Amino acid sequence: MCAIEVMSQVTPVIATERLILRGPVRGDETAIARLAGDPSVANQTASMPHPFSDADAEAAIERSFALDWGEEAEFAIEHRNFGLVGMLGFKPSKLGRAELNCWIGRPYWNRGYATEAVRGALKWVKRDWRRRLVVAGHFADNPASGQVLCKAGFLYTGDVEMKPAPARGREVPTRMMVWLA
């Protein structure tokens, strides 16, 4: 059995109309680094440095191999026709809830891919993790991400938290949201 076969038994695959969400694999580094290396992408995430190199992408992929998929998840978002367009993940929040993070490469903005990926991932969270609550946030100066989350069924909590923005070198106000199944 090859490594890909072993990995596919452990990591879930989520299919939507146009996208496949799958665990990242070796070989995704170049596409991830190219898309994540755009400062307009990195500036809107709470975990991505800028510049973002092939080595950073490789390290992220290696970290994903060690995840406990019962508590955390990291998906490559792949378009069925033209390859990797972004990443989506869940990690435990400081209150122990699943916290969603997602980014889409700039060439693929405004095509509905983020909303489609988030909706597919939330169905998986409800079905496989049996979670009925997921939290997320978006930087206050990035209302487009808030629109994505609203379209996927998230509601604003009224809370604003300061979250790290490594690419900006500081913390930024983040509008918190919640999804209830």
N, C-alpha and C. Protein backbone atom coordinates (compact mmCIF):
# COMPACT_ATOMS: atom_id res chain seq x y z
N MET A 1 0.85 -1.18 0.00
CA MET A 1 0.00 0.00 0.00
C MET A 1 0.89 1.24 0.00
N CYS A 2 0.60 2.19 -0.85
CA CYS A 2 1.43 3.40 -0.93
C CYS A 2 0.97 4.42 0.12
N ALA A 3 1.79 5.44 0.33
CA ALA A 3 1.50 6.45 1.36
C ALA A 3 0.20 7.17 1.09
N ILE A 4 -0.11 7.45 -0.16
CA ILE A 4 -1.35 8.15 -0.49
C ILE A 4 -2.55 7.30 -0.07
N GLU A 5 -2.49 5.99 -0.33
CA GLU A 5 -3.59 5.12 0.06
C GLU A 5 -3.76 5.10 1.57
N VAL A 6 -2.66 5.02 2.30
CA VAL A 6 -2.73 5.02 3.75
C VAL A 6 -3.32 6.34 4.23
N MET A 7 -2.84 7.45 3.66
CA MET A 7 -3.31 8.76 4.09
C MET A 7 -4.80 8.94 3.80
N SER A 8 -5.28 8.46 2.65
CA SER A 8 -6.68 8.68 2.32
C SER A 8 -7.60 7.89 3.25
N GLN A 9 -7.08 6.84 3.91
CA GLN A 9 -7.88 6.10 4.87
C GLN A 9 -8.03 6.90 6.16
N VAL A 10 -7.11 7.80 6.43
CA VAL A 10 -7.10 8.55 7.68
C VAL A 10 -7.74 9.92 7.50
N THR A 11 -7.43 10.59 6.41
CA THR A 11 -7.93 11.94 6.21
C THR A 11 -9.19 11.92 5.36
N PRO A 12 -10.20 12.65 5.77
CA PRO A 12 -11.45 12.67 5.02
C PRO A 12 -11.31 13.46 3.72
N VAL A 13 -12.21 13.18 2.81
CA VAL A 13 -12.33 13.93 1.57
C VAL A 13 -13.77 14.42 1.50
N ILE A 14 -13.93 15.71 1.25
CA ILE A 14 -15.25 16.34 1.16
C ILE A 14 -15.42 16.82 -0.28
N ALA A 15 -16.49 16.40 -0.91
CA ALA A 15 -16.77 16.82 -2.29
C ALA A 15 -17.95 17.78 -2.29
N THR A 16 -17.77 18.91 -2.98
CA THR A 16 -18.86 19.85 -3.20
C THR A 16 -19.07 19.94 -4.71
N GLU A 17 -19.93 20.83 -5.14
CA GLU A 17 -20.23 20.92 -6.57
C GLU A 17 -18.97 21.15 -7.42
N ARG A 18 -18.11 22.08 -7.00
CA ARG A 18 -16.92 22.41 -7.80
C ARG A 18 -15.61 22.07 -7.14
N LEU A 19 -15.65 21.71 -5.87
CA LEU A 19 -14.42 21.59 -5.08
C LEU A 19 -14.26 20.21 -4.45
N ILE A 20 -13.01 19.88 -4.17
CA ILE A 20 -12.65 18.72 -3.36
C ILE A 20 -11.83 19.26 -2.19
N LEU A 21 -12.25 18.96 -0.97
CA LEU A 21 -11.47 19.30 0.22
C LEU A 21 -10.80 18.02 0.67
N ARG A 22 -9.48 18.05 0.74
CA ARG A 22 -8.70 16.85 1.07
C ARG A 22 -7.52 17.26 1.92
N GLY A 23 -6.94 16.29 2.58
CA GLY A 23 -5.73 16.58 3.34
C GLY A 23 -4.63 17.04 2.41
N PRO A 24 -3.82 18.01 2.83
CA PRO A 24 -2.70 18.43 1.98
C PRO A 24 -1.70 17.29 1.83
N VAL A 25 -1.04 17.26 0.69
CA VAL A 25 -0.06 16.20 0.40
C VAL A 25 1.24 16.83 -0.06
N ARG A 26 2.32 16.06 0.07
CA ARG A 26 3.59 16.52 -0.49
C ARG A 26 3.37 16.72 -1.98
N GLY A 27 3.87 17.81 -2.46
CA GLY A 27 3.62 18.20 -3.84
C GLY A 27 2.71 19.43 -3.92
N ASP A 28 2.00 19.73 -2.83
CA ASP A 28 1.15 20.93 -2.77
C ASP A 28 1.96 22.19 -2.43
N GLU A 29 3.23 22.01 -2.05
CA GLU A 29 4.02 23.13 -1.52
C GLU A 29 4.07 24.33 -2.46
N THR A 30 4.35 24.06 -3.73
CA THR A 30 4.52 25.16 -4.68
C THR A 30 3.24 25.96 -4.83
N ALA A 31 2.11 25.28 -4.99
CA ALA A 31 0.83 25.98 -5.15
C ALA A 31 0.47 26.74 -3.88
N ILE A 32 0.67 26.12 -2.72
CA ILE A 32 0.36 26.80 -1.46
C ILE A 32 1.23 28.04 -1.30
N ALA A 33 2.53 27.89 -1.54
CA ALA A 33 3.45 29.03 -1.38
C ALA A 33 3.13 30.14 -2.36
N ARG A 34 2.77 29.79 -3.59
CA ARG A 34 2.44 30.80 -4.60
C ARG A 34 1.21 31.60 -4.18
N LEU A 35 0.17 30.91 -3.74
CA LEU A 35 -1.07 31.59 -3.35
C LEU A 35 -0.93 32.32 -2.02
N ALA A 36 -0.33 31.65 -1.03
CA ALA A 36 -0.19 32.24 0.30
C ALA A 36 0.89 33.31 0.34
N GLY A 37 1.78 33.32 -0.65
CA GLY A 37 2.84 34.31 -0.70
C GLY A 37 2.37 35.69 -1.10
N ASP A 38 1.13 35.80 -1.54
CA ASP A 38 0.55 37.09 -1.90
C ASP A 38 0.24 37.86 -0.61
N PRO A 39 0.81 39.05 -0.42
CA PRO A 39 0.56 39.77 0.83
C PRO A 39 -0.91 40.07 1.07
N SER A 40 -1.71 40.22 0.02
CA SER A 40 -3.13 40.50 0.23
C SER A 40 -3.85 39.30 0.84
N VAL A 41 -3.31 38.10 0.67
CA VAL A 41 -3.85 36.90 1.31
C VAL A 41 -3.31 36.81 2.74
N ALA A 42 -2.00 36.87 2.88
CA ALA A 42 -1.37 36.72 4.20
C ALA A 42 -1.86 37.78 5.19
N ASN A 43 -2.11 38.99 4.72
CA ASN A 43 -2.55 40.07 5.61
C ASN A 43 -3.91 39.82 6.24
N GLN A 44 -4.68 38.88 5.70
CA GLN A 44 -6.03 38.63 6.21
C GLN A 44 -6.12 37.36 7.04
N THR A 45 -4.97 36.79 7.43
CA THR A 45 -4.99 35.56 8.22
C THR A 45 -4.36 35.78 9.59
N ALA A 46 -4.79 34.96 10.54
CA ALA A 46 -4.28 35.06 11.91
C ALA A 46 -3.10 34.12 12.16
N SER A 47 -2.60 33.48 11.10
CA SER A 47 -1.50 32.54 11.34
C SER A 47 -0.42 32.55 10.27
N MET A 48 -0.62 33.25 9.18
CA MET A 48 0.30 33.17 8.05
C MET A 48 1.31 34.32 8.06
N PRO A 49 2.59 33.98 8.03
CA PRO A 49 3.60 35.04 7.93
C PRO A 49 3.71 35.54 6.49
N HIS A 50 4.37 36.65 6.33
CA HIS A 50 4.73 37.11 4.99
C HIS A 50 6.15 37.65 5.07
N PRO A 51 7.03 37.25 4.19
CA PRO A 51 6.76 36.37 3.04
C PRO A 51 6.50 34.93 3.48
N PHE A 52 5.81 34.19 2.63
CA PHE A 52 5.47 32.78 2.86
C PHE A 52 6.18 31.98 1.78
N SER A 53 7.11 31.12 2.20
CA SER A 53 7.99 30.43 1.27
C SER A 53 7.56 28.98 1.03
N ASP A 54 8.24 28.33 0.09
CA ASP A 54 8.03 26.90 -0.13
C ASP A 54 8.32 26.13 1.16
N ALA A 55 9.35 26.55 1.90
CA ALA A 55 9.69 25.88 3.16
C ALA A 55 8.56 26.05 4.18
N ASP A 56 7.92 27.22 4.22
CA ASP A 56 6.78 27.43 5.11
C ASP A 56 5.63 26.50 4.72
N ALA A 57 5.39 26.38 3.42
CA ALA A 57 4.33 25.50 2.93
C ALA A 57 4.64 24.05 3.27
N GLU A 58 5.89 23.65 3.08
CA GLU A 58 6.29 22.28 3.41
C GLU A 58 6.10 22.00 4.89
N ALA A 59 6.47 22.95 5.75
CA ALA A 59 6.31 22.78 7.20
C ALA A 59 4.83 22.67 7.56
N ALA A 60 3.98 23.46 6.92
CA ALA A 60 2.54 23.40 7.19
C ALA A 60 1.97 22.03 6.80
N ILE A 61 2.42 21.52 5.67
CA ILE A 61 1.96 20.20 5.23
C ILE A 61 2.42 19.13 6.21
N GLU A 62 3.66 19.21 6.63
CA GLU A 62 4.18 18.23 7.59
C GLU A 62 3.40 18.28 8.90
N ARG A 63 3.06 19.49 9.37
CA ARG A 63 2.27 19.62 10.60
C ARG A 63 0.90 18.96 10.42
N SER A 64 0.33 19.09 9.23
CA SER A 64 -1.00 18.51 9.00
C SER A 64 -0.98 16.99 9.11
N PHE A 65 0.16 16.37 8.79
CA PHE A 65 0.26 14.91 8.89
C PHE A 65 0.14 14.43 10.34
N ALA A 66 0.50 15.28 11.29
CA ALA A 66 0.50 14.90 12.70
C ALA A 66 -0.80 15.24 13.42
N LEU A 67 -1.77 15.81 12.72
CA LEU A 67 -3.00 16.22 13.38
C LEU A 67 -3.79 15.03 13.91
N ASP A 68 -4.48 15.25 15.01
CA ASP A 68 -5.49 14.31 15.50
C ASP A 68 -6.79 14.74 14.83
N TRP A 69 -7.19 14.02 13.79
CA TRP A 69 -8.34 14.43 12.99
C TRP A 69 -9.67 14.33 13.74
N GLY A 70 -9.63 13.89 14.98
CA GLY A 70 -10.82 13.95 15.81
C GLY A 70 -10.98 15.29 16.48
N GLU A 71 -9.90 16.09 16.49
CA GLU A 71 -9.91 17.40 17.15
C GLU A 71 -9.53 18.55 16.23
N GLU A 72 -8.73 18.26 15.21
CA GLU A 72 -8.25 19.29 14.29
C GLU A 72 -8.35 18.76 12.87
N ALA A 73 -8.37 19.67 11.92
CA ALA A 73 -8.41 19.27 10.52
C ALA A 73 -7.74 20.35 9.68
N GLU A 74 -7.14 19.94 8.60
CA GLU A 74 -6.53 20.87 7.64
C GLU A 74 -6.80 20.32 6.24
N PHE A 75 -7.52 21.10 5.45
CA PHE A 75 -7.90 20.68 4.11
C PHE A 75 -7.26 21.57 3.05
N ALA A 76 -6.78 20.95 2.00
CA ALA A 76 -6.45 21.69 0.78
C ALA A 76 -7.77 21.83 0.03
N ILE A 77 -8.04 23.01 -0.47
CA ILE A 77 -9.25 23.25 -1.27
C ILE A 77 -8.82 23.17 -2.73
N GLU A 78 -9.31 22.16 -3.40
CA GLU A 78 -8.90 21.93 -4.79
C GLU A 78 -10.10 22.06 -5.72
N HIS A 79 -9.96 22.90 -6.73
CA HIS A 79 -11.00 23.01 -7.75
C HIS A 79 -10.90 21.79 -8.65
N ARG A 80 -12.03 21.23 -9.03
CA ARG A 80 -12.04 20.00 -9.82
C ARG A 80 -11.34 20.17 -11.17
N ASN A 81 -11.31 21.39 -11.70
CA ASN A 81 -10.74 21.60 -13.04
C ASN A 81 -9.35 22.21 -13.06
N PHE A 82 -8.99 23.01 -12.06
CA PHE A 82 -7.70 23.68 -12.17
C PHE A 82 -6.86 23.71 -10.90
N GLY A 83 -7.06 22.78 -10.00
CA GLY A 83 -6.13 22.60 -8.90
C GLY A 83 -6.41 23.38 -7.63
N LEU A 84 -5.38 23.50 -6.82
CA LEU A 84 -5.48 24.07 -5.49
C LEU A 84 -5.82 25.56 -5.54
N VAL A 85 -6.83 25.96 -4.76
CA VAL A 85 -7.24 27.36 -4.72
C VAL A 85 -7.12 27.97 -3.32
N GLY A 86 -6.90 27.14 -2.29
CA GLY A 86 -6.80 27.67 -0.93
C GLY A 86 -6.71 26.56 0.09
N MET A 87 -6.91 26.94 1.34
CA MET A 87 -6.83 26.00 2.47
C MET A 87 -7.95 26.32 3.45
N LEU A 88 -8.36 25.30 4.20
CA LEU A 88 -9.39 25.46 5.22
C LEU A 88 -9.04 24.52 6.36
N GLY A 89 -9.26 24.98 7.59
CA GLY A 89 -8.96 24.12 8.72
C GLY A 89 -9.83 24.41 9.93
N PHE A 90 -9.75 23.49 10.87
CA PHE A 90 -10.41 23.64 12.17
C PHE A 90 -9.37 23.35 13.23
N LYS A 91 -9.35 24.18 14.26
CA LYS A 91 -8.47 23.95 15.41
C LYS A 91 -9.28 24.22 16.66
N PRO A 92 -8.85 23.68 17.80
CA PRO A 92 -9.57 23.99 19.03
C PRO A 92 -9.39 25.47 19.40
N SER A 93 -10.47 26.13 19.76
CA SER A 93 -10.37 27.52 20.22
C SER A 93 -9.96 27.51 21.69
N LYS A 94 -9.74 28.70 22.23
CA LYS A 94 -9.32 28.77 23.63
C LYS A 94 -10.41 28.25 24.58
N LEU A 95 -11.65 28.18 24.11
CA LEU A 95 -12.73 27.63 24.93
C LEU A 95 -13.02 26.17 24.58
N GLY A 96 -12.17 25.56 23.75
CA GLY A 96 -12.34 24.16 23.40
C GLY A 96 -13.30 23.90 22.25
N ARG A 97 -13.81 24.95 21.65
CA ARG A 97 -14.71 24.78 20.51
C ARG A 97 -13.90 24.70 19.23
N ALA A 98 -14.49 24.13 18.19
CA ALA A 98 -13.83 24.10 16.89
C ALA A 98 -13.84 25.51 16.31
N GLU A 99 -12.67 25.98 15.89
CA GLU A 99 -12.55 27.30 15.27
C GLU A 99 -12.14 27.13 13.82
N LEU A 100 -12.91 27.71 12.93
CA LEU A 100 -12.69 27.63 11.49
C LEU A 100 -11.69 28.68 11.04
N ASN A 101 -10.81 28.28 10.14
CA ASN A 101 -9.96 29.24 9.43
C ASN A 101 -9.96 28.84 7.96
N CYS A 102 -9.89 29.83 7.10
CA CYS A 102 -9.96 29.55 5.67
C CYS A 102 -9.31 30.70 4.91
N TRP A 103 -8.61 30.37 3.83
CA TRP A 103 -8.12 31.41 2.92
C TRP A 103 -8.19 30.88 1.49
N ILE A 104 -8.40 31.79 0.59
CA ILE A 104 -8.47 31.50 -0.85
C ILE A 104 -7.43 32.38 -1.53
N GLY A 105 -6.71 31.81 -2.49
CA GLY A 105 -5.73 32.58 -3.25
C GLY A 105 -6.40 33.69 -4.05
N ARG A 106 -5.72 34.82 -4.13
CA ARG A 106 -6.29 36.01 -4.78
C ARG A 106 -6.83 35.77 -6.19
N PRO A 107 -6.17 34.95 -7.04
CA PRO A 107 -6.73 34.74 -8.38
C PRO A 107 -8.13 34.11 -8.36
N TYR A 108 -8.53 33.57 -7.21
CA TYR A 108 -9.81 32.85 -7.12
C TYR A 108 -10.84 33.56 -6.25
N TRP A 109 -10.56 34.80 -5.87
CA TRP A 109 -11.52 35.56 -5.07
C TRP A 109 -12.77 35.88 -5.89
N ASN A 110 -13.86 36.10 -5.18
CA ASN A 110 -15.13 36.54 -5.76
C ASN A 110 -15.74 35.54 -6.73
N ARG A 111 -15.49 34.25 -6.49
CA ARG A 111 -16.09 33.20 -7.32
C ARG A 111 -16.94 32.24 -6.48
N GLY A 112 -17.07 32.52 -5.19
CA GLY A 112 -17.88 31.69 -4.32
C GLY A 112 -17.19 30.45 -3.78
N TYR A 113 -15.89 30.31 -4.02
CA TYR A 113 -15.19 29.10 -3.57
C TYR A 113 -15.10 29.02 -2.05
N ALA A 114 -14.84 30.14 -1.40
CA ALA A 114 -14.74 30.12 0.06
C ALA A 114 -16.07 29.71 0.69
N THR A 115 -17.16 30.29 0.23
CA THR A 115 -18.47 29.95 0.78
C THR A 115 -18.78 28.48 0.54
N GLU A 116 -18.52 27.99 -0.66
CA GLU A 116 -18.78 26.59 -0.99
C GLU A 116 -17.93 25.66 -0.12
N ALA A 117 -16.67 25.99 0.07
CA ALA A 117 -15.78 25.16 0.89
C ALA A 117 -16.24 25.16 2.35
N VAL A 118 -16.56 26.33 2.88
CA VAL A 118 -16.99 26.42 4.28
C VAL A 118 -18.28 25.63 4.49
N ARG A 119 -19.25 25.79 3.59
CA ARG A 119 -20.50 25.03 3.73
C ARG A 119 -20.25 23.52 3.72
N GLY A 120 -19.42 23.06 2.81
CA GLY A 120 -19.11 21.63 2.75
C GLY A 120 -18.42 21.15 4.01
N ALA A 121 -17.48 21.95 4.52
CA ALA A 121 -16.75 21.57 5.73
C ALA A 121 -17.67 21.55 6.95
N LEU A 122 -18.61 22.48 7.02
CA LEU A 122 -19.54 22.51 8.16
C LEU A 122 -20.45 21.29 8.15
N LYS A 123 -20.88 20.84 6.98
CA LYS A 123 -21.67 19.60 6.91
C LYS A 123 -20.86 18.43 7.45
N TRP A 124 -19.58 18.39 7.09
CA TRP A 124 -18.69 17.33 7.57
C TRP A 124 -18.54 17.41 9.09
N VAL A 125 -18.33 18.62 9.62
CA VAL A 125 -18.18 18.80 11.07
C VAL A 125 -19.42 18.29 11.81
N LYS A 126 -20.58 18.62 11.29
CA LYS A 126 -21.82 18.19 11.94
C LYS A 126 -21.97 16.67 11.86
N ARG A 127 -21.72 16.10 10.69
CA ARG A 127 -21.92 14.66 10.48
C ARG A 127 -20.83 13.82 11.17
N ASP A 128 -19.57 14.15 10.93
CA ASP A 128 -18.48 13.29 11.40
C ASP A 128 -17.99 13.63 12.81
N TRP A 129 -17.92 14.89 13.13
CA TRP A 129 -17.48 15.29 14.47
C TRP A 129 -18.65 15.43 15.43
N ARG A 130 -19.85 15.46 14.87
CA ARG A 130 -21.07 15.64 15.66
C ARG A 130 -21.02 16.94 16.49
N ARG A 131 -20.39 17.93 15.90
CA ARG A 131 -20.32 19.25 16.55
C ARG A 131 -21.51 20.08 16.09
N ARG A 132 -22.04 20.82 17.02
CA ARG A 132 -23.18 21.67 16.70
C ARG A 132 -22.83 23.15 16.83
N LEU A 133 -21.56 23.43 17.13
CA LEU A 133 -21.14 24.81 17.29
C LEU A 133 -19.71 24.95 16.77
N VAL A 134 -19.51 25.93 15.92
CA VAL A 134 -18.19 26.26 15.39
C VAL A 134 -18.04 27.77 15.50
N VAL A 135 -16.86 28.22 15.89
CA VAL A 135 -16.60 29.65 15.95
C VAL A 135 -15.66 30.05 14.81
N ALA A 136 -15.70 31.30 14.46
CA ALA A 136 -14.81 31.86 13.44
C ALA A 136 -14.75 33.36 13.68
N GLY A 137 -13.84 33.99 13.00
CA GLY A 137 -13.73 35.43 13.08
C GLY A 137 -13.13 35.98 11.80
N HIS A 138 -13.32 37.25 11.60
CA HIS A 138 -12.67 37.92 10.47
C HIS A 138 -12.16 39.27 10.93
N PHE A 139 -11.03 39.66 10.37
CA PHE A 139 -10.48 40.96 10.72
C PHE A 139 -11.51 42.04 10.38
N ALA A 140 -11.63 43.00 11.26
CA ALA A 140 -12.65 44.04 11.10
C ALA A 140 -12.50 44.80 9.79
N ASP A 141 -11.28 44.88 9.26
CA ASP A 141 -11.07 45.59 8.00
C ASP A 141 -11.20 44.67 6.78
N ASN A 142 -11.77 43.48 6.97
CA ASN A 142 -11.98 42.53 5.88
C ASN A 142 -13.43 42.06 5.87
N PRO A 143 -14.36 42.95 5.50
CA PRO A 143 -15.77 42.57 5.52
C PRO A 143 -16.12 41.46 4.53
N ALA A 144 -15.32 41.27 3.48
CA ALA A 144 -15.62 40.19 2.52
C ALA A 144 -15.61 38.83 3.20
N SER A 145 -14.67 38.62 4.13
CA SER A 145 -14.65 37.35 4.86
C SER A 145 -15.89 37.22 5.75
N GLY A 146 -16.35 38.32 6.30
CA GLY A 146 -17.58 38.29 7.08
C GLY A 146 -18.77 37.89 6.22
N GLN A 147 -18.80 38.38 4.97
CA GLN A 147 -19.88 38.00 4.06
C GLN A 147 -19.85 36.51 3.75
N VAL A 148 -18.65 35.96 3.56
CA VAL A 148 -18.52 34.51 3.32
C VAL A 148 -19.10 33.74 4.50
N LEU A 149 -18.71 34.12 5.71
CA LEU A 149 -19.18 33.42 6.89
C LEU A 149 -20.69 33.56 7.06
N CYS A 150 -21.23 34.74 6.80
CA CYS A 150 -22.69 34.93 6.88
C CYS A 150 -23.41 34.03 5.88
N LYS A 151 -22.91 33.97 4.65
CA LYS A 151 -23.53 33.11 3.63
C LYS A 151 -23.50 31.64 4.03
N ALA A 152 -22.49 31.26 4.81
CA ALA A 152 -22.36 29.87 5.26
C ALA A 152 -23.18 29.59 6.52
N GLY A 153 -23.83 30.62 7.07
CA GLY A 153 -24.71 30.40 8.21
C GLY A 153 -24.18 30.89 9.55
N PHE A 154 -23.04 31.58 9.56
CA PHE A 154 -22.50 32.12 10.81
C PHE A 154 -23.26 33.38 11.21
N LEU A 155 -23.31 33.64 12.51
CA LEU A 155 -23.93 34.83 13.06
C LEU A 155 -22.90 35.58 13.89
N TYR A 156 -23.01 36.91 13.90
CA TYR A 156 -22.10 37.71 14.73
C TYR A 156 -22.46 37.54 16.20
N THR A 157 -21.43 37.43 17.03
CA THR A 157 -21.64 37.30 18.48
C THR A 157 -21.69 38.66 19.16
N GLY A 158 -21.17 39.68 18.52
CA GLY A 158 -21.04 40.99 19.14
C GLY A 158 -19.68 41.19 19.79
N ASP A 159 -18.89 40.12 19.86
CA ASP A 159 -17.56 40.20 20.46
C ASP A 159 -16.52 40.60 19.42
N VAL A 160 -15.58 41.41 19.86
CA VAL A 160 -14.41 41.75 19.04
C VAL A 160 -13.19 41.37 19.87
N GLU A 161 -12.35 40.50 19.30
CA GLU A 161 -11.13 40.06 19.98
C GLU A 161 -9.92 40.56 19.20
N MET A 162 -8.85 40.78 19.91
CA MET A 162 -7.59 41.11 19.25
C MET A 162 -6.91 39.79 18.88
N LYS A 163 -6.64 39.60 17.59
CA LYS A 163 -6.02 38.36 17.10
C LYS A 163 -4.70 38.71 16.41
N PRO A 164 -3.75 37.78 16.46
CA PRO A 164 -2.47 38.04 15.79
C PRO A 164 -2.64 38.10 14.28
N ALA A 165 -1.89 38.96 13.67
CA ALA A 165 -1.80 39.05 12.21
C ALA A 165 -0.31 39.07 11.88
N PRO A 166 0.33 37.89 11.82
CA PRO A 166 1.78 37.84 11.65
C PRO A 166 2.29 38.62 10.44
N ALA A 167 1.55 38.59 9.35
CA ALA A 167 1.99 39.31 8.15
C ALA A 167 1.97 40.82 8.37
N ARG A 168 1.16 41.29 9.30
CA ARG A 168 1.09 42.71 9.61
C ARG A 168 2.01 43.08 10.77
N GLY A 169 2.46 42.08 11.51
CA GLY A 169 3.35 42.33 12.64
C GLY A 169 2.67 42.89 13.86
N ARG A 170 1.36 42.67 13.99
CA ARG A 170 0.64 43.18 15.15
C ARG A 170 -0.69 42.44 15.30
N GLU A 171 -1.37 42.69 16.40
CA GLU A 171 -2.71 42.16 16.58
C GLU A 171 -3.72 43.12 15.96
N VAL A 172 -4.84 42.56 15.49
CA VAL A 172 -5.87 43.40 14.87
C VAL A 172 -7.24 43.02 15.41
N PRO A 173 -8.17 43.98 15.42
CA PRO A 173 -9.53 43.68 15.88
C PRO A 173 -10.18 42.64 14.97
N THR A 174 -10.78 41.64 15.60
CA THR A 174 -11.39 40.53 14.87
C THR A 174 -12.83 40.37 15.33
N ARG A 175 -13.76 40.44 14.39
CA ARG A 175 -15.18 40.29 14.70
C ARG A 175 -15.50 38.80 14.79
N MET A 176 -15.98 38.37 15.93
CA MET A 176 -16.22 36.95 16.18
C MET A 176 -17.62 36.54 15.76
N MET A 177 -17.70 35.30 15.27
CA MET A 177 -18.95 34.76 14.76
C MET A 177 -19.12 33.33 15.27
N VAL A 178 -20.35 32.83 15.18
CA VAL A 178 -20.64 31.47 15.61
C VAL A 178 -21.60 30.82 14.61
N TRP A 179 -21.40 29.54 14.38
CA TRP A 179 -22.30 28.72 13.57
C TRP A 179 -22.93 27.69 14.48
N LEU A 180 -24.25 27.61 14.46
CA LEU A 180 -24.98 26.64 15.26
C LEU A 180 -25.71 25.71 14.32
N ALA A 181 -25.47 24.41 14.46
CA ALA A 181 -26.11 23.43 13.58
C ALA A 181 -27.58 23.29 13.92
